[in-house]
Amino acid sequence: MIERNITLPEMILWTGTRVALGAGIGMLISKRLSKDAMKAAGIALTLVGGFTTIPLAIAIMSKKDRTRSEIQSVA
């Protein structure tokens, strides 16, 4: 298994994009809003969540793990 070290801001961004994606999908299958409002909000949130998740996933997957000595030499 490959382990990746990510920072707190990266984790918050990752979580936020997943929440937007999930909320958009939830609105698309919801029956509480009017059909037009539900469709517009659902599509918008799904697209925003999906399109922002892709670059973050690529950035996290291509991130090189740093050794402790590399981290100390930068600080």
C-alpha atoms as a PDB file:
ATOM      1  CA  MET A   1       0.000   0.000   0.000  1.00  0.00           C
ATOM      2  CA  ILE A   2       1.289   3.447  -0.904  1.00  0.00           C
ATOM      3  CA  GLU A   3       1.055   6.065   1.824  1.00  0.00           C
ATOM      4  CA  ARG A   4       0.816   9.747   1.049  1.00  0.00           C
ATOM      5  CA  ASN A   5       1.387  12.577   3.491  1.00  0.00           C
ATOM      6  CA  ILE A   6      -1.013  15.425   2.863  1.00  0.00           C
ATOM      7  CA  THR A   7      -1.368  18.712   4.661  1.00  0.00           C
ATOM      8  CA  LEU A   8      -4.448  19.881   6.526  1.00  0.00           C
ATOM      9  CA  PRO A   9      -5.390  22.437   3.824  1.00  0.00           C
ATOM     10  CA  GLU A  10      -5.189  19.695   1.179  1.00  0.00           C
ATOM     11  CA  MET A  11      -7.427  17.485   3.297  1.00  0.00           C
ATOM     12  CA  ILE A  12      -9.949  20.307   3.749  1.00  0.00           C
ATOM     13  CA  LEU A  13     -10.002  20.976  -0.005  1.00  0.00           C
ATOM     14  CA  TRP A  14     -10.386  17.274  -0.771  1.00  0.00           C
ATOM     15  CA  THR A  15     -13.245  16.936   1.720  1.00  0.00           C
ATOM     16  CA  GLY A  16     -14.961  20.097   0.475  1.00  0.00           C
ATOM     17  CA  THR A  17     -14.976  18.921  -3.109  1.00  0.00           C
ATOM     18  CA  ARG A  18     -16.394  15.560  -2.093  1.00  0.00           C
ATOM     19  CA  VAL A  19     -19.133  17.298  -0.076  1.00  0.00           C
ATOM     20  CA  ALA A  20     -20.072  19.469  -3.069  1.00  0.00           C
ATOM     21  CA  LEU A  21     -20.174  16.416  -5.304  1.00  0.00           C
ATOM     22  CA  GLY A  22     -22.326  14.504  -2.831  1.00  0.00           C
ATOM     23  CA  ALA A  23     -24.685  17.434  -2.257  1.00  0.00           C
ATOM     24  CA  GLY A  24     -25.115  17.859  -5.995  1.00  0.00           C
ATOM     25  CA  ILE A  25     -25.951  14.211  -6.485  1.00  0.00           C
ATOM     26  CA  GLY A  26     -28.320  14.385  -3.508  1.00  0.00           C
ATOM     27  CA  MET A  27     -30.148  17.332  -5.041  1.00  0.00           C
ATOM     28  CA  LEU A  28     -30.443  15.553  -8.350  1.00  0.00           C
ATOM     29  CA  ILE A  29     -32.273  12.655  -6.699  1.00  0.00           C
ATOM     30  CA  SER A  30     -34.224  14.798  -4.192  1.00  0.00           C
ATOM     31  CA  LYS A  31     -37.950  15.491  -4.448  1.00  0.00           C
ATOM     32  CA  ARG A  32     -38.200  18.510  -2.083  1.00  0.00           C
ATOM     33  CA  LEU A  33     -37.249  21.333  -4.472  1.00  0.00           C
ATOM     34  CA  SER A  34     -39.034  22.353  -7.622  1.00  0.00           C
ATOM     35  CA  LYS A  35     -37.844  20.358 -10.577  1.00  0.00           C
ATOM     36  CA  ASP A  36     -36.000  23.267 -12.245  1.00  0.00           C
ATOM     37  CA  ALA A  37     -34.306  24.476  -9.029  1.00  0.00           C
ATOM     38  CA  MET A  38     -33.322  20.940  -8.071  1.00  0.00           C
ATOM     39  CA  LYS A  39     -31.856  20.232 -11.480  1.00  0.00           C
ATOM     40  CA  ALA A  40     -29.909  23.511 -11.690  1.00  0.00           C
ATOM     41  CA  ALA A  41     -28.446  23.266  -8.191  1.00  0.00           C
ATOM     42  CA  GLY A  42     -27.704  19.569  -8.524  1.00  0.00           C
ATOM     43  CA  ILE A  43     -25.909  19.920 -11.833  1.00  0.00           C
ATOM     44  CA  ALA A  44     -23.926  22.945 -10.624  1.00  0.00           C
ATOM     45  CA  LEU A  45     -22.754  21.250  -7.417  1.00  0.00           C
ATOM     46  CA  THR A  46     -21.988  17.995  -9.182  1.00  0.00           C
ATOM     47  CA  LEU A  47     -19.892  19.743 -11.828  1.00  0.00           C
ATOM     48  CA  VAL A  48     -18.042  21.897  -9.308  1.00  0.00           C
ATOM     49  CA  GLY A  49     -17.369  18.912  -7.052  1.00  0.00           C
ATOM     50  CA  GLY A  50     -16.285  16.693  -9.924  1.00  0.00           C
ATOM     51  CA  PHE A  51     -14.090  19.200 -11.719  1.00  0.00           C
ATOM     52  CA  THR A  52     -12.328  20.346  -8.555  1.00  0.00           C
ATOM     53  CA  THR A  53     -11.748  16.801  -7.318  1.00  0.00           C
ATOM     54  CA  ILE A  54      -9.844  15.734 -10.429  1.00  0.00           C
ATOM     55  CA  PRO A  55      -6.929  18.226 -10.157  1.00  0.00           C
ATOM     56  CA  LEU A  56      -6.675  17.678  -6.400  1.00  0.00           C
ATOM     57  CA  ALA A  57      -6.543  13.921  -6.867  1.00  0.00           C
ATOM     58  CA  ILE A  58      -3.830  14.269  -9.491  1.00  0.00           C
ATOM     59  CA  ALA A  59      -1.820  16.602  -7.241  1.00  0.00           C
ATOM     60  CA  ILE A  60      -2.074  14.270  -4.259  1.00  0.00           C
ATOM     61  CA  MET A  61      -1.285  11.133  -6.261  1.00  0.00           C
ATOM     62  CA  SER A  62       1.777  12.705  -7.902  1.00  0.00           C
ATOM     63  CA  LYS A  63       3.061  14.166  -4.636  1.00  0.00           C
ATOM     64  CA  LYS A  64       6.519  12.902  -3.734  1.00  0.00           C
ATOM     65  CA  ASP A  65       6.951  11.725  -0.158  1.00  0.00           C
ATOM     66  CA  ARG A  66       9.711  13.616   1.582  1.00  0.00           C
ATOM     67  CA  THR A  67      12.113  12.113   4.049  1.00  0.00           C
ATOM     68  CA  ARG A  68      12.577  13.595   7.485  1.00  0.00           C
ATOM     69  CA  SER A  69      16.016  15.014   6.511  1.00  0.00           C
ATOM     70  CA  GLU A  70      14.526  16.819   3.484  1.00  0.00           C
ATOM     71  CA  ILE A  71      11.846  18.383   5.660  1.00  0.00           C
ATOM     72  CA  GLN A  72      14.372  19.520   8.302  1.00  0.00           C
ATOM     73  CA  SER A  73      16.717  21.012   5.705  1.00  0.00           C
ATOM     74  CA  VAL A  74      13.927  23.178   4.302  1.00  0.00           C
ATOM     75  CA  ALA A  75      12.907  24.473   7.737  1.00  0.00           C
END
